[in-house]
């Protein structure tokens, strides 16, 4: 028998069945894990709904009034916008500790240019946005091109910007009445309107529209996909042709501009412009909303809608505890628990991709 005949005989006697793979019975927990991995905003949304239900049952109908719910939205408008800026940075596996003071110095610039120098308000607003963008550009340059850790860079610029804010302003507050008389445009986002029985401000509308815009950009544009890619694996992103440095530079710059936009909204919310608000923990509030919203601190995973839900969770908890007359420290305690729980859940969900 020749070699070819022997080969054919072996083939004839071999098993001709096609390989098949049986689907293993996936447990309910595994299915939940996969669902949450593919839908990052689901966890904060579920927590938000549960928080509303719990406080609604505890407090009663007062909590579900349109006044209470819209007041929560008004209170979180600034943190929600800052959280959106922080989300962009954290998605690249970075962090921005200077975002709060960038907002404050941008507000101070807007106020001084319009009121102290008497320059038209639209130019003052542009000047504030420009300052915010330049601060973000500096952060981005140091992180992307100098290869410095984002935590160290933004910790340093936080101190620099805060000191510059106090030196430039001489810690002088611009009064609410002065803003109203000389630069009413700075109070634009304080304007309110009725939607049924609810009263909403333009600041709330601006927050929601900004989040929706960024959601679209992050999910439906090449730049948005590059942001996720750089955060997930920067080396792989570079090998695939993505200019990681350019992405980081634009992310930090846009984050600074958004912080400056939050400054404009904050003037409408607060009325006056106070340099001393730089000591307020806006940074921690923005990071808290982002982390509770399911944005992974390891980068590359999360939905900016989750950040909005995270800010709303903090707002609901704060309002609910206030209405119950609880000690304010309970809010701090529950916020800490939520942060740790959010990170633990993120770690658990990430195991799906391991």
Protein backbone atom coordinates (compact mmCIF):
# COMPACT_ATOMS: atom_id res chain seq x y z
CA UNK A 1 0.00 0.00 0.00
CA UNK A 2 1.38 3.32 -1.03
CA UNK A 3 1.71 6.26 1.34
CA UNK A 4 -1.16 8.11 -0.35
CA UNK A 5 -3.50 5.07 0.03
CA UNK A 6 -2.53 4.70 3.68
CA UNK A 7 -3.28 8.38 4.24
CA UNK A 8 -6.73 8.04 2.63
CA UNK A 9 -7.53 4.96 4.72
CA UNK A 10 -6.69 6.83 7.93
CA UNK A 11 -8.90 9.71 6.84
CA UNK A 12 -11.81 7.37 6.08
CA UNK A 13 -11.56 5.77 9.52
CA UNK A 14 -11.25 9.09 11.37
CA UNK A 15 -14.13 10.78 13.16
CA UNK A 16 -15.96 13.01 10.72
CA UNK A 17 -18.16 14.80 13.28
CA UNK A 18 -17.81 18.58 13.43
CA UNK A 19 -16.44 19.98 16.63
CA UNK A 20 -19.07 21.68 18.74
CA UNK A 21 -18.95 23.68 21.91
CA UNK A 22 -21.66 23.23 24.47
CA UNK A 23 -22.82 26.41 26.12
CA UNK A 24 -22.28 26.17 29.82
CA UNK A 25 -25.11 27.12 32.05
CA UNK A 26 -24.27 30.67 33.03
CA UNK A 27 -25.25 31.52 36.60
CA UNK A 28 -27.46 34.48 37.41
CA UNK A 29 -24.53 36.23 39.10
CA UNK A 30 -22.37 35.82 35.99
CA UNK A 31 -25.14 37.18 33.80
CA UNK A 32 -25.49 40.18 36.11
CA UNK A 33 -21.73 40.66 36.00
CA UNK A 34 -21.72 40.65 32.19
CA UNK A 35 -24.71 43.01 32.04
CA UNK A 36 -23.08 45.52 34.39
CA UNK A 37 -19.81 45.26 32.45
CA UNK A 38 -21.57 46.15 29.20
CA UNK A 39 -23.79 48.81 30.82
CA UNK A 40 -21.56 50.86 33.19
CA UNK A 41 -24.27 53.38 34.07
CA UNK A 42 -26.62 50.66 35.35
CA UNK A 43 -25.14 50.40 38.86
CA UNK A 44 -25.40 54.12 39.76
CA UNK A 45 -28.88 54.26 38.20
CA UNK A 46 -30.04 51.33 40.34
CA UNK A 47 -28.52 52.93 43.47
CA UNK A 48 -30.17 56.26 42.61
CA UNK A 49 -33.60 54.65 42.21
CA UNK A 50 -33.17 52.73 45.48
CA UNK A 51 -32.09 55.90 47.32
CA UNK A 52 -35.14 57.79 46.04
CA UNK A 53 -37.46 54.92 47.05
CA UNK A 54 -35.91 54.57 50.53
CA UNK A 55 -36.07 58.28 51.33
CA UNK A 56 -39.51 58.52 49.75
CA UNK A 57 -40.84 55.79 52.05
CA UNK A 58 -39.04 57.25 55.09
CA UNK A 59 -39.99 60.89 54.55
CA UNK A 60 -43.24 60.53 52.67
CA UNK A 61 -44.84 62.59 49.95
CA UNK A 62 -42.78 65.70 50.73
CA UNK A 63 -39.71 64.06 49.26
CA UNK A 64 -41.45 63.41 45.93
CA UNK A 65 -42.62 67.00 45.56
CA UNK A 66 -41.46 68.82 42.43
CA UNK A 67 -39.88 71.48 44.65
CA UNK A 68 -37.63 68.94 46.42
CA UNK A 69 -36.56 67.09 43.29
CA UNK A 70 -35.78 70.24 41.30
CA UNK A 71 -33.92 71.71 44.28
CA UNK A 72 -31.69 68.62 44.27
CA UNK A 73 -30.91 69.23 40.59
CA UNK A 74 -30.09 72.89 41.26
CA UNK A 75 -27.75 71.94 44.08
CA UNK A 76 -25.78 69.43 42.02
CA UNK A 77 -25.48 71.53 38.83
CA UNK A 78 -21.95 72.77 39.56
CA UNK A 79 -20.66 69.41 40.82
CA UNK A 80 -22.30 67.67 37.86
CA UNK A 81 -20.45 69.88 35.38
CA UNK A 82 -17.14 69.49 37.22
CA UNK A 83 -17.79 65.75 37.40
CA UNK A 84 -18.18 65.67 33.60
CA UNK A 85 -14.77 67.34 33.25
CA UNK A 86 -13.25 64.93 35.77
CA UNK A 87 -14.76 61.98 33.91
CA UNK A 88 -12.81 62.79 30.75
CA UNK A 89 -9.55 62.78 32.69
CA UNK A 90 -10.27 59.62 34.69
CA UNK A 91 -11.26 57.75 31.53
CA UNK A 92 -7.62 58.21 30.43
CA UNK A 93 -6.49 56.65 33.75
CA UNK A 94 -5.56 60.10 35.10
CA UNK A 95 -6.96 62.43 37.72
CA UNK A 96 -7.27 66.21 38.02
CA UNK A 97 -6.97 67.64 41.52
CA UNK A 98 -6.85 71.21 40.22
CA UNK A 99 -10.28 71.27 38.59
CA UNK A 100 -11.98 73.06 41.49
CA UNK A 101 -9.49 75.92 41.72
CA UNK A 102 -9.48 76.28 37.92
CA UNK A 103 -13.21 76.93 38.23
CA UNK A 104 -12.70 79.51 40.97
CA UNK A 105 -9.93 81.47 39.22
CA UNK A 106 -11.97 81.46 36.00
CA UNK A 107 -14.90 82.97 37.90
CA UNK A 108 -12.59 85.58 39.44
CA UNK A 109 -11.22 86.47 35.98
CA UNK A 110 -14.74 86.82 34.55
CA UNK A 111 -15.82 89.05 37.41
CA UNK A 112 -12.76 91.30 37.42
CA UNK A 113 -12.61 91.72 33.64
CA UNK A 114 -16.29 92.65 33.46
CA UNK A 115 -16.69 94.70 36.64
CA UNK A 116 -13.27 95.97 37.74
CA UNK A 117 -11.95 96.69 34.24
CA UNK A 118 -15.32 97.55 32.68
CA UNK A 119 -14.78 95.35 29.63
CA UNK A 120 -17.93 93.96 27.90
CA UNK A 121 -19.23 90.85 29.65
CA UNK A 122 -19.04 88.50 26.63
CA UNK A 123 -15.30 89.23 26.40
CA UNK A 124 -15.00 88.62 30.15
CA UNK A 125 -16.66 85.23 29.75
CA UNK A 126 -14.30 84.33 26.90
CA UNK A 127 -11.34 85.45 29.04
CA UNK A 128 -12.46 83.14 31.85
CA UNK A 129 -12.90 80.20 29.46
CA UNK A 130 -9.47 80.93 27.99
CA UNK A 131 -7.83 80.91 31.42
CA UNK A 132 -9.50 77.58 32.23
CA UNK A 133 -8.33 76.13 28.93
CA UNK A 134 -4.75 77.33 29.49
CA UNK A 135 -4.67 75.75 32.95
CA UNK A 136 -5.89 72.48 31.47
CA UNK A 137 -3.37 72.78 28.63
CA UNK A 138 -0.55 73.13 31.17
CA UNK A 139 -1.73 69.99 32.97
CA UNK A 140 -2.00 68.11 29.70
CA UNK A 141 1.45 69.17 28.51
CA UNK A 142 3.11 68.05 31.77
CA UNK A 143 1.27 64.71 31.76
CA UNK A 144 1.51 63.89 28.04
CA UNK A 145 4.89 65.29 27.01
CA UNK A 146 6.86 65.50 30.27
CA UNK A 147 5.55 62.07 31.35
CA UNK A 148 4.81 63.24 34.88
CA UNK A 149 2.17 61.42 36.98
CA UNK A 150 -1.26 63.15 36.74
CA UNK A 151 -1.69 63.09 40.53
CA UNK A 152 1.59 64.95 41.12
CA UNK A 153 1.06 67.37 38.24
CA UNK A 154 -2.44 68.42 39.25
CA UNK A 155 -1.53 68.53 42.94
CA UNK A 156 1.20 71.02 42.00
CA UNK A 157 -0.99 73.10 39.69
CA UNK A 158 -3.73 73.06 42.33
CA UNK A 159 -1.39 74.91 44.70
CA UNK A 160 -0.09 77.22 41.95
CA UNK A 161 -3.55 78.17 40.68
CA UNK A 162 -4.97 78.63 44.19
CA UNK A 163 -2.10 80.92 45.21
CA UNK A 164 -2.39 82.86 41.94
CA UNK A 165 -6.11 83.25 42.58
CA UNK A 166 -5.55 84.85 45.99
CA UNK A 167 -2.65 87.03 44.83
CA UNK A 168 -4.48 88.33 41.76
CA UNK A 169 -7.80 88.99 43.52
CA UNK A 170 -6.34 90.19 46.85
CA UNK A 171 -9.06 87.92 48.26
CA UNK A 172 -11.70 90.57 47.50
CA UNK A 173 -15.24 89.38 46.90
CA UNK A 174 -17.29 90.88 44.07
CA UNK A 175 -20.76 91.51 45.44
CA UNK A 176 -23.96 90.11 44.00
CA UNK A 177 -25.41 93.61 43.47
CA UNK A 178 -22.35 94.72 41.48
CA UNK A 179 -22.66 91.73 39.19
CA UNK A 180 -26.38 92.43 38.68
CA UNK A 181 -25.80 96.09 37.86
CA UNK A 182 -22.67 95.90 35.70
CA UNK A 183 -22.54 92.37 34.27
CA UNK A 184 -25.98 90.71 34.42
CA UNK A 185 -24.88 88.22 31.75
CA UNK A 186 -22.76 86.52 34.41
CA UNK A 187 -26.01 85.64 36.19
CA UNK A 188 -27.44 84.05 33.04
CA UNK A 189 -27.59 80.54 34.49
CA UNK A 190 -29.55 81.71 37.52
CA UNK A 191 -32.55 82.35 35.27
CA UNK A 192 -35.38 79.92 35.97
CA UNK A 193 -38.46 78.68 34.18
CA UNK A 194 -41.40 76.43 34.97
CA UNK A 195 -41.85 72.97 33.54
CA UNK A 196 -45.25 71.96 34.82
CA UNK A 197 -45.03 72.39 38.58
CA UNK A 198 -41.24 72.07 38.57
CA UNK A 199 -38.93 75.08 38.57
CA UNK A 200 -35.67 74.56 36.69
CA UNK A 201 -32.72 76.90 36.23
CA UNK A 202 -30.63 77.31 33.09
CA UNK A 203 -27.72 75.94 35.13
CA UNK A 204 -29.51 72.59 35.44
CA UNK A 205 -30.31 72.59 31.72
CA UNK A 206 -26.67 73.40 30.93
CA UNK A 207 -25.48 70.47 33.07
CA UNK A 208 -27.82 67.99 31.39
CA UNK A 209 -27.05 69.21 27.86
CA UNK A 210 -23.29 69.11 28.53
CA UNK A 211 -23.47 65.53 29.80
CA UNK A 212 -25.57 64.44 26.79
CA UNK A 213 -23.16 66.16 24.40
CA UNK A 214 -20.13 64.48 25.96
CA UNK A 215 -21.95 61.14 26.00
CA UNK A 216 -22.49 61.43 22.25
CA UNK A 217 -18.89 62.50 21.62
CA UNK A 218 -17.44 59.69 23.74
CA UNK A 219 -19.63 57.00 22.18
CA UNK A 220 -20.06 58.09 18.57
CA UNK A 221 -16.84 59.84 17.50
CA UNK A 222 -13.31 58.66 16.79
CA UNK A 223 -11.94 61.01 19.45
CA UNK A 224 -14.21 59.47 22.08
CA UNK A 225 -13.09 55.95 21.18
CA UNK A 226 -9.48 57.12 21.37
CA UNK A 227 -10.07 58.44 24.91
CA UNK A 228 -11.28 55.01 26.03
CA UNK A 229 -8.45 53.25 24.18
CA UNK A 230 -5.74 55.42 25.78
CA UNK A 231 -7.22 54.83 29.22
CA UNK A 232 -7.58 51.09 28.73
CA UNK A 233 -4.11 50.38 27.32
CA UNK A 234 -1.95 53.32 26.18
CA UNK A 235 0.71 51.11 24.60
CA UNK A 236 -1.83 49.17 22.55
CA UNK A 237 -3.43 52.47 21.56
CA UNK A 238 -0.10 53.75 20.25
CA UNK A 239 0.49 50.55 18.29
CA UNK A 240 -2.93 50.95 16.68
CA UNK A 241 -1.97 54.41 15.41
CA UNK A 242 -3.65 56.56 18.06
CA UNK A 243 -1.71 59.69 19.01
CA UNK A 244 -1.91 59.18 22.76
CA UNK A 245 -0.10 62.43 23.61
CA UNK A 246 -2.49 64.48 21.50
CA UNK A 247 -5.49 62.76 23.09
CA UNK A 248 -4.21 63.47 26.61
CA UNK A 249 -3.47 67.09 25.74
CA UNK A 250 -6.96 67.67 24.36
CA UNK A 251 -8.63 65.85 27.27
CA UNK A 252 -6.96 68.02 29.92
CA UNK A 253 -7.54 71.20 27.89
CA UNK A 254 -11.24 70.44 27.38
CA UNK A 255 -11.49 69.57 31.07
CA UNK A 256 -10.11 73.02 31.93
CA UNK A 257 -12.60 74.74 29.59
CA UNK A 258 -15.48 72.79 31.17
CA UNK A 259 -14.26 73.83 34.63
CA UNK A 260 -14.33 77.46 33.45
CA UNK A 261 -17.86 76.90 32.14
CA UNK A 262 -18.76 75.60 35.61
CA UNK A 263 -17.41 78.92 36.92
CA UNK A 264 -19.97 80.82 34.84
CA UNK A 265 -22.74 78.56 36.15
CA UNK A 266 -21.47 78.97 39.73
CA UNK A 267 -21.69 82.76 39.49
CA UNK A 268 -25.36 82.40 38.64
CA UNK A 269 -25.84 79.91 41.46
CA UNK A 270 -23.93 81.80 44.17
CA UNK A 271 -24.60 85.38 43.07
CA UNK A 272 -21.32 86.82 44.29
CA UNK A 273 -17.78 85.94 43.19
CA UNK A 274 -15.56 84.92 46.09
CA UNK A 275 -11.89 83.93 45.67
CA UNK A 276 -12.04 82.20 49.06
CA UNK A 277 -14.34 79.53 47.59
CA UNK A 278 -11.09 77.99 46.28
CA UNK A 279 -10.79 76.24 49.64
CA UNK A 280 -14.14 74.49 49.10
CA UNK A 281 -13.72 70.80 48.34
CA UNK A 282 -15.03 70.98 44.77
CA UNK A 283 -12.28 68.60 43.67
CA UNK A 284 -13.39 65.87 46.07
CA UNK A 285 -17.06 66.41 45.24
CA UNK A 286 -16.36 66.00 41.51
CA UNK A 287 -14.23 62.90 42.07
CA UNK A 288 -16.89 61.48 44.38
CA UNK A 289 -19.63 61.92 41.77
CA UNK A 290 -17.39 60.34 39.14
CA UNK A 291 -16.39 57.30 41.21
CA UNK A 292 -19.89 56.66 42.56
CA UNK A 293 -21.05 57.02 38.95
CA UNK A 294 -19.08 53.93 38.00
CA UNK A 295 -16.14 55.53 36.16
CA UNK A 296 -13.19 53.19 36.69
CA UNK A 297 -10.19 54.83 38.33
CA UNK A 298 -8.06 52.44 36.26
CA UNK A 299 -9.27 54.14 33.07
CA UNK A 300 -10.96 52.95 29.91
CA UNK A 301 -14.35 52.03 31.37
CA UNK A 302 -17.48 53.86 32.41
CA UNK A 303 -20.26 56.07 31.09
CA UNK A 304 -20.51 59.80 31.64
CA UNK A 305 -24.23 59.28 32.26
CA UNK A 306 -23.12 57.40 35.36
CA UNK A 307 -21.35 60.55 36.58
CA UNK A 308 -24.64 62.45 36.36
CA UNK A 309 -26.35 59.67 38.31
CA UNK A 310 -23.50 59.72 40.84
CA UNK A 311 -23.94 63.45 41.44
CA UNK A 312 -27.68 62.89 41.82
CA UNK A 313 -27.08 60.10 44.35
CA UNK A 314 -25.03 62.45 46.53
CA UNK A 315 -27.71 65.14 46.12
CA UNK A 316 -30.54 62.77 47.04
CA UNK A 317 -28.69 61.42 50.09
CA UNK A 318 -27.84 64.95 51.25
CA UNK A 319 -31.39 66.24 50.78
CA UNK A 320 -32.95 63.15 52.36
CA UNK A 321 -30.78 63.35 55.47
CA UNK A 322 -31.43 67.09 55.80
CA UNK A 323 -35.18 66.51 55.63
CA UNK A 324 -34.86 63.81 58.29
CA UNK A 325 -32.93 66.24 60.51
CA UNK A 326 -29.93 63.88 60.69
CA UNK A 327 -26.45 64.90 61.77
CA UNK A 328 -24.55 66.22 58.69
CA UNK A 329 -21.75 63.75 59.41
CA UNK A 330 -24.05 60.93 58.31
CA UNK A 331 -23.82 62.33 54.79
CA UNK A 332 -20.02 62.18 54.98
CA UNK A 333 -20.15 58.63 56.33
CA UNK A 334 -22.59 57.38 53.68
CA UNK A 335 -20.58 59.08 50.93
CA UNK A 336 -17.46 57.24 52.09
CA UNK A 337 -19.34 53.93 52.10
CA UNK A 338 -20.64 54.59 48.57
CA UNK A 339 -17.14 55.40 47.28
CA UNK A 340 -15.65 52.18 48.66
CA UNK A 341 -18.62 50.14 47.43
CA UNK A 342 -18.36 51.69 43.96
CA UNK A 343 -14.66 50.81 43.64
CA UNK A 344 -15.29 47.28 44.96
CA UNK A 345 -18.09 46.74 42.44
CA UNK A 346 -15.87 48.09 39.65
CA UNK A 347 -13.16 45.57 40.57
CA UNK A 348 -15.72 42.76 40.57
CA UNK A 349 -17.15 43.81 37.19
CA UNK A 350 -13.67 44.13 35.62
CA UNK A 351 -13.08 40.39 36.30
CA UNK A 352 -15.38 39.67 33.36
CA UNK A 353 -12.68 40.82 30.96
CA UNK A 354 -9.90 38.91 32.71
